[in-house]
Amino acid sequence: MIYSLRFRLLIAFVAIILVTIGTVYFFVSQKASGQIRELEQIRKQILISRVEAVLSRYYFTVGSWDGIQPLLQKLGELDSERIILADINGVVIVDSEGKLEGQKYETDALANPVRLPGTQIILGVFWALPAGNDLASTLGLAVAINRFLLWGALLAAGIALIITFFLARHITAPVRALTKAAQRLGQGDLSQRVEYQGKDELGKLTNTFNSMAGELERTEKLRRNMVADSAHELRTPISNIRGYLEAIRDGVVKPEPNTMDILYEETMQLSNLIDDLQDLTLADSGELKLDLQPEDIAEVIKHAVAMQAHIETRGLSILTEIPDNLPPVNIDKRRIGQVLRNLIDNAVKHTGSGGTIRVTVELLEDGIKISISDTGEGIPKADLPNIFERYYRVDPSRNRATGGSGLGLTIARRLVEAHGGTIEAQSELGKGSRFTFIIPGNNSK
């Protein structure tokens, strides 16, 4: 628990709360005590001035201190103070409590010596509380304020802790959900998703996780069909070869040139499929070797187009748009030729009679862009994101008349990526498709 994010957030918040409240408490307490002492001094000065005025007026009126005891006692009770009146030598003349008359009042100095108006008499006024002194009163008030501050701080800290607890739980809830989902995802449950609609960093992380899980689920679904698709693609030519060989062995079919041509075609189909699988394996493991040389891309394209000898028999026309004086491109001639053949062959298979296939080249500042477009049937929007996946075919029946093994586009993407380039497809159903790949390099003139 002590290593959990919620616990660490709680400790961090608690530390911040305690430091903040402690700091506020300290400064407020110090300031309050100082202000209380200052106010107490002002109150004392006002009180002394008032009592001095009363005593001076009494002495000026009566001419002596006779009968002053009741008045002094009333003043002491009124202000909750003990008032002692002494002469300049410290001998007590009157005590509001009537205890020290005629005695020497021991003090370091007279408080606020007063010369009574119209006389030569100098008096000293002394103050004392029955239960202590003025400082004790001041400290008592300061302690009371500090006590209330302390209780207020504890109450605020308690409320803050409760809010912090729920806030930490709210913050860590999506993190815990992501952790559990990631654990289950690692155990093979690719259907895991996290429901969190926040727009903060956690919301972005959740969306990223959900996108990753969705992509893994989609990829796993495609890979789950890989073995079955491989078996199907291998089984078809092998079954045909086996069937013809058994027929020849049983004397049902004679080994005529036509039969041998069929067997050869099926063998080549099988060989091409094995070569494709080997290329994909090498590309996936990063072991695909490229023989990079400066090549004339125009010649590579013309050679790939020339190999489509059967294009005229299908009633198709193929056009090329290649700028003059293209600079050499650093490529593996055989592999880029394979990319072009796969893309052109794909266009031929999905373009009806009378259609047109166009190969265009555009020189970029940082590379060269080659596009193969057709006027064929197009690709449904739902299938477009998956067409570069291995064994993926728009036609689920896997009819050879509508496509090959389903590896051509996958291999084209791997070979382009091996050159450090990118490939993409654009298509509109019923209007044709356009495949574009870019080979990077400083090819500007």
Protein backbone atom coordinates (compact mmCIF):
# COMPACT_ATOMS: atom_id res chain seq x y z
CA MET A 1 0.00 0.00 0.00
CA ILE A 2 2.81 2.41 0.86
CA TYR A 3 4.03 2.19 -2.73
CA SER A 4 0.62 2.96 -4.24
CA LEU A 5 0.05 6.23 -6.05
CA ARG A 6 -2.98 7.02 -3.91
CA PHE A 7 -0.99 6.66 -0.68
CA ARG A 8 1.81 8.85 -1.96
CA LEU A 9 -0.65 11.49 -3.18
CA LEU A 10 -2.37 11.39 0.22
CA ILE A 11 0.95 11.83 2.06
CA ALA A 12 1.97 14.67 -0.26
CA PHE A 13 -1.35 16.48 0.22
CA VAL A 14 -1.23 15.95 4.00
CA ALA A 15 2.30 17.37 4.16
CA ILE A 16 1.27 20.42 2.12
CA ILE A 17 -1.84 20.95 4.29
CA LEU A 18 0.09 20.64 7.56
CA VAL A 19 2.89 22.95 6.44
CA THR A 20 0.39 25.53 5.17
CA ILE A 21 -1.80 25.46 8.27
CA GLY A 22 1.24 25.40 10.59
CA THR A 23 2.74 28.42 8.84
CA VAL A 24 -0.54 30.35 8.97
CA TYR A 25 -1.03 29.38 12.64
CA PHE A 26 2.48 30.52 13.59
CA PHE A 27 2.29 33.94 11.93
CA VAL A 28 -1.30 34.63 13.00
CA SER A 29 -0.48 33.59 16.59
CA GLN A 30 2.60 35.81 16.73
CA LYS A 31 0.78 38.76 15.19
CA ALA A 32 -2.25 38.33 17.45
CA SER A 33 -0.09 38.20 20.60
CA GLY A 34 1.75 41.36 19.60
CA GLN A 35 -1.46 43.20 18.79
CA ILE A 36 -3.03 42.10 22.09
CA ARG A 37 -0.03 43.39 24.06
CA GLU A 38 -0.14 46.66 22.17
CA LEU A 39 -3.88 47.06 22.79
CA GLU A 40 -3.35 46.21 26.47
CA GLN A 41 -0.75 48.96 26.76
CA ILE A 42 -3.10 51.45 25.12
CA ARG A 43 -5.93 50.38 27.43
CA LYS A 44 -3.67 50.80 30.47
CA GLN A 45 -2.59 54.26 29.38
CA ILE A 46 -6.18 55.32 28.89
CA LEU A 47 -7.13 53.88 32.28
CA ILE A 48 -4.18 55.57 34.02
CA SER A 49 -5.00 58.89 32.43
CA ARG A 50 -8.62 58.65 33.54
CA VAL A 51 -7.74 57.69 37.13
CA GLU A 52 -5.11 60.45 37.32
CA ALA A 53 -7.65 62.98 36.18
CA VAL A 54 -10.15 61.79 38.81
CA LEU A 55 -7.55 61.81 41.60
CA SER A 56 -6.17 65.20 40.58
CA ARG A 57 -9.66 66.72 40.50
CA TYR A 58 -10.47 65.19 43.89
CA TYR A 59 -7.29 66.46 45.51
CA PHE A 60 -7.71 69.93 43.98
CA THR A 61 -11.31 70.06 45.20
CA VAL A 62 -10.89 68.57 48.70
CA GLY A 63 -7.30 69.64 49.32
CA SER A 64 -6.33 66.28 50.85
CA TRP A 65 -6.80 62.55 50.42
CA ASP A 66 -9.36 62.27 53.17
CA GLY A 67 -12.30 60.12 52.11
CA ILE A 68 -10.59 58.96 48.90
CA GLN A 69 -10.76 55.27 49.89
CA PRO A 70 -14.41 54.63 48.75
CA LEU A 71 -13.78 56.42 45.43
CA LEU A 72 -10.57 54.50 44.81
CA GLN A 73 -12.31 51.24 45.66
CA LYS A 74 -15.12 52.03 43.19
CA LEU A 75 -12.57 52.83 40.47
CA GLY A 76 -10.74 49.53 41.12
CA GLU A 77 -13.97 47.53 40.98
CA LEU A 78 -15.08 49.35 37.84
CA ASP A 79 -11.87 48.54 35.96
CA SER A 80 -11.22 45.18 37.68
CA GLU A 81 -7.88 46.54 38.86
CA ARG A 82 -6.20 47.05 42.20
CA ILE A 83 -5.16 50.69 42.50
CA ILE A 84 -2.43 51.80 44.87
CA LEU A 85 -1.72 55.51 45.45
CA ALA A 86 1.68 56.34 46.93
CA ASP A 87 3.70 59.46 47.43
CA ILE A 88 6.95 60.27 45.72
CA ASN A 89 8.84 58.17 48.28
CA GLY A 90 6.77 55.07 47.65
CA VAL A 91 4.77 55.23 50.89
CA VAL A 92 1.22 54.05 50.24
CA ILE A 93 -1.41 56.74 50.82
CA VAL A 94 -4.45 54.80 49.71
CA ASP A 95 -4.97 51.15 48.64
CA SER A 96 -8.21 50.27 46.82
CA GLU A 97 -8.27 47.09 48.88
CA GLY A 98 -7.41 48.96 52.10
CA LYS A 99 -4.40 46.78 53.02
CA LEU A 100 -1.19 48.74 52.45
CA GLU A 101 -1.87 52.26 53.78
CA GLY A 102 1.25 53.74 55.39
CA GLN A 103 3.48 50.94 54.19
CA LYS A 104 6.40 51.14 51.80
CA TYR A 105 5.38 49.88 48.34
CA GLU A 106 8.35 47.98 46.90
CA THR A 107 8.79 48.71 43.22
CA ASP A 108 11.66 49.52 40.87
CA ALA A 109 10.15 52.79 39.70
CA LEU A 110 7.02 54.81 40.00
CA ALA A 111 4.57 54.30 37.18
CA ASN A 112 3.64 57.51 35.48
CA PRO A 113 4.61 60.11 38.14
CA VAL A 114 2.04 62.91 38.23
CA ARG A 115 2.26 66.49 39.49
CA LEU A 116 -1.17 67.45 40.62
CA PRO A 117 -2.38 70.70 39.04
CA GLY A 118 -1.98 73.75 41.29
CA THR A 119 0.15 71.91 43.88
CA GLN A 120 3.73 70.97 44.53
CA ILE A 121 2.73 67.33 45.26
CA ILE A 122 4.10 64.60 43.02
CA LEU A 123 2.28 61.28 43.12
CA GLY A 124 2.98 57.82 41.70
CA VAL A 125 0.17 55.55 40.59
CA PHE A 126 0.76 51.78 40.86
CA TRP A 127 -1.40 49.03 39.39
CA ALA A 128 -1.83 45.39 40.36
CA LEU A 129 -4.37 42.65 39.67
CA PRO A 130 -5.78 40.61 42.55
CA ALA A 131 -4.94 37.35 40.73
CA GLY A 132 -1.76 38.43 38.99
CA ASN A 133 -0.77 41.30 36.71
CA ASP A 134 -1.58 42.84 33.34
CA LEU A 135 0.85 40.55 31.53
CA ALA A 136 -1.01 37.51 32.81
CA SER A 137 -4.24 38.97 31.43
CA THR A 138 -2.63 39.60 28.08
CA LEU A 139 -1.12 36.13 27.91
CA GLY A 140 -4.45 34.61 28.90
CA LEU A 141 -6.16 36.31 25.99
CA ALA A 142 -3.35 35.27 23.64
CA VAL A 143 -3.60 31.67 24.82
CA ALA A 144 -7.35 31.71 24.25
CA ILE A 145 -6.88 33.02 20.71
CA ASN A 146 -4.16 30.47 20.02
CA ARG A 147 -6.40 27.72 21.33
CA PHE A 148 -9.20 28.75 18.99
CA LEU A 149 -6.69 28.98 16.14
CA LEU A 150 -5.44 25.50 16.95
CA TRP A 151 -8.92 24.00 17.01
CA GLY A 152 -9.76 25.81 13.79
CA ALA A 153 -6.56 24.50 12.20
CA LEU A 154 -7.32 20.93 13.32
CA LEU A 155 -10.86 21.18 11.98
CA ALA A 156 -9.59 22.61 8.67
CA ALA A 157 -6.95 19.87 8.49
CA GLY A 158 -9.57 17.18 9.12
CA ILE A 159 -11.86 18.53 6.40
CA ALA A 160 -8.89 18.90 4.05
CA LEU A 161 -7.84 15.31 4.74
CA ILE A 162 -11.31 14.01 3.92
CA ILE A 163 -11.39 16.04 0.69
CA THR A 164 -7.85 14.92 -0.11
CA PHE A 165 -8.77 11.27 0.42
CA PHE A 166 -11.65 11.41 -2.03
CA LEU A 167 -9.66 13.58 -4.44
CA ALA A 168 -6.75 11.12 -4.41
CA ARG A 169 -9.15 8.24 -4.96
CA HIS A 170 -10.77 10.12 -7.85
CA ILE A 171 -7.37 10.85 -9.42
CA THR A 172 -6.06 7.32 -9.03
CA ALA A 173 -9.29 5.57 -10.08
CA PRO A 174 -8.50 5.71 -13.83
CA VAL A 175 -4.89 4.72 -13.08
CA ARG A 176 -6.10 1.63 -11.20
CA ALA A 177 -8.53 0.86 -14.00
CA LEU A 178 -5.73 1.20 -16.56
CA THR A 179 -3.48 -1.05 -14.48
CA LYS A 180 -6.10 -3.80 -14.23
CA ALA A 181 -6.95 -3.51 -17.91
CA ALA A 182 -3.27 -3.65 -18.86
CA GLN A 183 -2.76 -6.76 -16.71
CA ARG A 184 -5.71 -8.50 -18.36
CA LEU A 185 -4.49 -7.31 -21.74
CA GLY A 186 -1.12 -8.89 -21.00
CA GLN A 187 -2.92 -12.14 -20.14
CA GLY A 188 -4.50 -12.22 -23.58
CA ASP A 189 -7.87 -10.52 -23.04
CA LEU A 190 -7.69 -7.97 -25.83
CA SER A 191 -11.28 -6.80 -25.32
CA GLN A 192 -10.24 -4.64 -22.36
CA ARG A 193 -11.24 -0.97 -22.52
CA VAL A 194 -11.23 1.77 -19.87
CA GLU A 195 -14.18 4.13 -19.51
CA TYR A 196 -12.89 7.61 -18.69
CA GLN A 197 -14.10 10.73 -20.45
CA GLY A 198 -11.74 13.30 -18.92
CA LYS A 199 -9.87 15.74 -21.14
CA ASP A 200 -6.77 15.88 -18.94
CA GLU A 201 -3.55 13.86 -19.22
CA LEU A 202 -5.25 10.78 -17.76
CA GLY A 203 -7.99 11.11 -20.37
CA LYS A 204 -5.38 11.25 -23.13
CA LEU A 205 -3.59 8.24 -21.62
CA THR A 206 -6.89 6.33 -21.45
CA ASN A 207 -7.70 7.13 -25.08
CA THR A 208 -4.20 6.03 -26.09
CA PHE A 209 -4.61 2.77 -24.17
CA ASN A 210 -8.01 2.10 -25.73
CA SER A 211 -6.64 2.82 -29.20
CA MET A 212 -3.69 0.52 -28.54
CA ALA A 213 -5.96 -2.24 -27.24
CA GLY A 214 -8.24 -1.86 -30.25
CA GLU A 215 -5.29 -2.04 -32.63
CA LEU A 216 -3.92 -5.11 -30.82
CA GLU A 217 -7.30 -6.78 -30.97
CA ARG A 218 -7.63 -6.04 -34.67
CA THR A 219 -4.08 -7.23 -35.38
CA GLU A 220 -4.57 -10.36 -33.30
CA LYS A 221 -7.76 -11.11 -35.17
CA LEU A 222 -5.88 -10.86 -38.45
CA ARG A 223 -3.01 -12.96 -37.17
CA ARG A 224 -5.40 -15.55 -35.77
CA ASN A 225 -6.50 -16.20 -39.31
CA MET A 226 -2.92 -16.36 -40.59
CA VAL A 227 -2.38 -20.06 -40.02
CA ALA A 228 -5.72 -20.95 -41.58
CA ASP A 229 -5.08 -18.63 -44.51
CA SER A 230 -1.55 -19.99 -45.00
CA ALA A 231 -2.88 -23.53 -44.94
CA HIS A 232 -5.57 -22.61 -47.43
CA GLU A 233 -3.16 -20.89 -49.79
CA LEU A 234 -0.70 -23.79 -49.60
CA ARG A 235 -3.37 -26.45 -49.80
CA THR A 236 -4.82 -25.24 -53.11
CA PRO A 237 -1.72 -25.68 -55.34
CA ILE A 238 -0.62 -28.80 -53.46
CA SER A 239 -4.07 -30.37 -53.88
CA ASN A 240 -4.05 -29.58 -57.59
CA ILE A 241 -0.56 -30.99 -58.04
CA ARG A 242 -1.46 -34.11 -56.06
CA GLY A 243 -4.66 -34.59 -58.00
CA TYR A 244 -2.94 -34.38 -61.38
CA LEU A 245 -0.10 -36.67 -60.28
CA GLU A 246 -2.56 -39.28 -58.99
CA ALA A 247 -4.51 -39.03 -62.22
CA ILE A 248 -1.32 -39.52 -64.26
CA ARG A 249 -0.27 -42.46 -62.05
CA ASP A 250 -3.67 -44.09 -62.47
CA GLY A 251 -3.61 -43.51 -66.20
CA VAL A 252 -6.65 -41.23 -66.10
CA VAL A 253 -4.71 -38.28 -67.45
CA LYS A 254 -1.81 -38.51 -69.85
CA PRO A 255 1.35 -36.45 -69.17
CA GLU A 256 0.74 -34.19 -72.13
CA PRO A 257 2.30 -30.72 -72.52
CA ASN A 258 -0.95 -29.09 -71.42
CA THR A 259 -1.00 -31.15 -68.22
CA MET A 260 2.65 -30.40 -67.56
CA ASP A 261 1.98 -26.70 -68.05
CA ILE A 262 -0.77 -26.87 -65.41
CA LEU A 263 1.53 -28.68 -63.00
CA TYR A 264 4.27 -26.13 -63.64
CA GLU A 265 1.87 -23.23 -63.05
CA GLU A 266 0.72 -24.73 -59.75
CA THR A 267 4.31 -25.36 -58.72
CA MET A 268 5.21 -21.76 -59.49
CA GLN A 269 2.17 -20.62 -57.50
CA LEU A 270 3.41 -22.64 -54.55
CA SER A 271 6.98 -21.40 -54.99
CA ASN A 272 5.87 -17.76 -55.18
CA LEU A 273 3.81 -18.15 -52.01
CA ILE A 274 6.79 -19.64 -50.17
CA ASP A 275 9.00 -16.81 -51.42
CA ASP A 276 6.44 -14.26 -50.25
CA LEU A 277 6.28 -15.83 -46.80
CA GLN A 278 10.07 -15.84 -46.59
CA ASP A 279 10.24 -12.17 -47.59
CA LEU A 280 7.67 -11.27 -44.93
CA THR A 281 9.54 -13.25 -42.29
CA LEU A 282 12.79 -11.47 -43.12
CA ALA A 283 11.11 -8.07 -43.17
CA ASP A 284 9.34 -8.64 -39.83
CA SER A 285 12.59 -9.74 -38.17
CA GLY A 286 14.54 -6.81 -39.66
CA GLU A 287 16.86 -9.15 -41.56
CA LEU A 288 15.78 -8.22 -45.07
CA LYS A 289 18.94 -7.35 -46.98
CA LEU A 290 18.84 -4.56 -49.52
CA ASP A 291 21.35 -3.99 -52.28
CA LEU A 292 21.13 -0.21 -52.45
CA GLN A 293 22.57 1.35 -55.58
CA PRO A 294 21.94 4.60 -57.51
CA GLU A 295 19.38 3.50 -60.10
CA ASP A 296 17.39 5.10 -62.91
CA ILE A 297 13.84 4.87 -61.53
CA ALA A 298 12.38 5.46 -64.99
CA GLU A 299 13.99 2.24 -66.27
CA VAL A 300 12.76 0.32 -63.21
CA ILE A 301 9.19 1.49 -63.86
CA LYS A 302 9.33 0.73 -67.59
CA HIS A 303 10.62 -2.76 -66.87
CA ALA A 304 7.82 -3.42 -64.36
CA VAL A 305 5.21 -2.23 -66.86
CA ALA A 306 6.72 -4.34 -69.67
CA MET A 307 6.30 -7.49 -67.56
CA GLN A 308 2.51 -7.02 -67.67
CA ALA A 309 2.33 -8.69 -71.08
CA HIS A 310 -1.21 -9.97 -70.51
CA ILE A 311 -2.64 -6.50 -69.92
CA GLU A 312 -3.80 -6.04 -73.50
CA THR A 313 -5.62 -9.38 -73.50
CA ARG A 314 -7.72 -8.07 -70.62
CA GLY A 315 -8.73 -4.97 -72.61
CA LEU A 316 -6.78 -2.60 -70.37
CA SER A 317 -4.44 0.25 -71.15
CA ILE A 318 -1.53 1.38 -69.00
CA LEU A 319 -0.06 4.88 -69.12
CA THR A 320 3.13 6.25 -67.60
CA GLU A 321 3.89 9.85 -66.67
CA ILE A 322 7.60 10.11 -65.90
CA PRO A 323 9.48 13.45 -65.88
CA ASP A 324 12.57 13.73 -68.03
CA ASN A 325 16.06 13.77 -66.56
CA LEU A 326 15.19 12.20 -63.23
CA PRO A 327 18.25 11.95 -60.96
CA PRO A 328 19.41 8.49 -59.84
CA VAL A 329 17.64 7.10 -56.78
CA ASN A 330 19.42 5.04 -54.14
CA ILE A 331 17.30 1.86 -54.09
CA ASP A 332 17.37 -1.91 -54.32
CA LYS A 333 16.35 -2.25 -57.96
CA ARG A 334 14.94 -5.77 -57.60
CA ARG A 335 12.89 -4.97 -54.49
CA ILE A 336 11.39 -1.72 -55.82
CA GLY A 337 10.61 -3.56 -59.06
CA GLN A 338 8.77 -6.15 -56.92
CA VAL A 339 6.77 -3.33 -55.25
CA LEU A 340 5.79 -1.91 -58.64
CA ARG A 341 4.81 -5.31 -60.03
CA ASN A 342 2.68 -6.10 -56.99
CA LEU A 343 0.86 -2.77 -57.16
CA ILE A 344 0.35 -2.91 -60.93
CA ASP A 345 -0.77 -6.54 -60.74
CA ASN A 346 -3.26 -5.59 -58.01
CA ALA A 347 -4.61 -2.77 -60.22
CA VAL A 348 -4.94 -5.15 -63.19
CA LYS A 349 -6.92 -7.70 -61.16
CA HIS A 350 -9.41 -5.13 -59.92
CA THR A 351 -9.93 -3.14 -63.11
CA GLY A 352 -12.49 -4.25 -65.64
CA SER A 353 -12.15 -4.36 -69.41
CA GLY A 354 -11.73 -0.92 -70.95
CA GLY A 355 -10.17 0.51 -67.82
CA THR A 356 -6.97 2.48 -67.48
CA ILE A 357 -3.99 2.10 -65.19
CA ARG A 358 -1.73 5.09 -64.73
CA VAL A 359 1.80 5.18 -63.26
CA THR A 360 3.04 8.65 -62.34
CA VAL A 361 6.30 9.88 -60.84
CA GLU A 362 6.80 13.14 -58.94
CA LEU A 363 10.15 14.46 -57.81
CA LEU A 364 10.19 15.80 -54.26
CA GLU A 365 12.81 17.82 -52.41
CA ASP A 366 13.48 14.93 -50.05
CA GLY A 367 12.60 11.95 -52.19
CA ILE A 368 10.53 10.61 -55.04
CA LYS A 369 6.81 9.81 -55.11
CA ILE A 370 5.37 7.07 -57.31
CA SER A 371 1.63 6.55 -57.74
CA ILE A 372 -0.29 3.70 -59.35
CA SER A 373 -3.94 4.56 -59.98
CA ASP A 374 -6.71 2.64 -61.72
CA THR A 375 -10.31 3.10 -62.80
CA GLY A 376 -11.42 -0.17 -61.29
CA GLU A 377 -14.03 -1.22 -58.74
CA GLY A 378 -12.46 0.57 -55.80
CA ILE A 379 -12.16 -0.54 -52.19
CA PRO A 380 -14.93 -0.27 -49.56
CA LYS A 381 -14.19 2.32 -46.89
CA ALA A 382 -14.41 -0.26 -44.11
CA ASP A 383 -11.74 -2.41 -45.77
CA LEU A 384 -9.31 0.38 -46.66
CA PRO A 385 -7.45 0.45 -43.27
CA ASN A 386 -6.73 -3.31 -43.51
CA ILE A 387 -5.62 -3.82 -47.07
CA PHE A 388 -1.92 -3.83 -46.17
CA GLU A 389 -2.41 -6.58 -43.57
CA ARG A 390 -1.17 -10.02 -44.53
CA TYR A 391 -3.79 -12.35 -46.03
CA TYR A 392 -6.40 -9.62 -45.93
CA ARG A 393 -8.63 -9.59 -48.97
CA VAL A 394 -11.75 -7.60 -49.72
CA ASP A 395 -13.27 -10.78 -51.20
CA PRO A 396 -13.69 -13.13 -48.19
CA SER A 397 -14.19 -16.12 -50.48
CA ARG A 398 -10.51 -15.89 -51.48
CA ASN A 399 -11.36 -16.59 -55.10
CA ARG A 400 -8.23 -16.60 -57.23
CA ALA A 401 -10.08 -14.76 -59.93
CA THR A 402 -10.39 -11.72 -57.67
CA GLY A 403 -6.96 -11.78 -56.10
CA GLY A 404 -3.81 -13.67 -55.24
CA SER A 405 -2.59 -14.94 -51.92
CA GLY A 406 -3.35 -11.72 -50.05
CA LEU A 407 0.35 -11.02 -49.42
CA GLY A 408 1.22 -8.72 -52.32
CA LEU A 409 0.26 -5.43 -50.70
CA THR A 410 1.77 -6.52 -47.38
CA ILE A 411 5.08 -7.28 -49.04
CA ALA A 412 4.94 -3.97 -50.95
CA ARG A 413 4.54 -2.08 -47.68
CA ARG A 414 7.38 -3.99 -45.99
CA LEU A 415 9.75 -3.36 -48.90
CA VAL A 416 8.93 0.35 -49.05
CA GLU A 417 9.38 0.65 -45.28
CA ALA A 418 12.69 -1.21 -45.55
CA HIS A 419 13.81 1.65 -47.83
CA GLY A 420 12.72 4.13 -45.14
CA GLY A 421 9.67 5.17 -47.12
CA THR A 422 5.90 5.21 -46.67
CA ILE A 423 2.98 3.84 -48.64
CA GLU A 424 -0.71 4.70 -48.55
CA ALA A 425 -3.91 3.93 -50.40
CA GLN A 426 -6.83 6.11 -51.44
CA SER A 427 -9.96 4.69 -52.96
CA GLU A 428 -13.58 5.43 -53.74
CA LEU A 429 -15.94 2.55 -54.30
CA GLY A 430 -16.87 2.24 -57.98
CA LYS A 431 -14.34 4.90 -59.10
CA GLY A 432 -10.98 3.23 -58.64
CA SER A 433 -7.99 3.27 -56.32
CA ARG A 434 -4.69 5.07 -56.01
CA PHE A 435 -1.60 3.61 -54.28
CA THR A 436 1.24 6.02 -53.54
CA PHE A 437 4.64 5.30 -52.06
CA ILE A 438 7.51 7.65 -51.31
CA ILE A 439 11.18 6.72 -51.30
CA PRO A 440 13.19 9.23 -49.25
CA GLY A 441 16.51 10.70 -50.32
CA ASN A 442 18.08 13.97 -51.36
CA ASN A 443 17.01 13.84 -54.99
CA SER A 444 16.45 17.52 -55.69
CA LYS A 445 18.07 18.88 -58.81
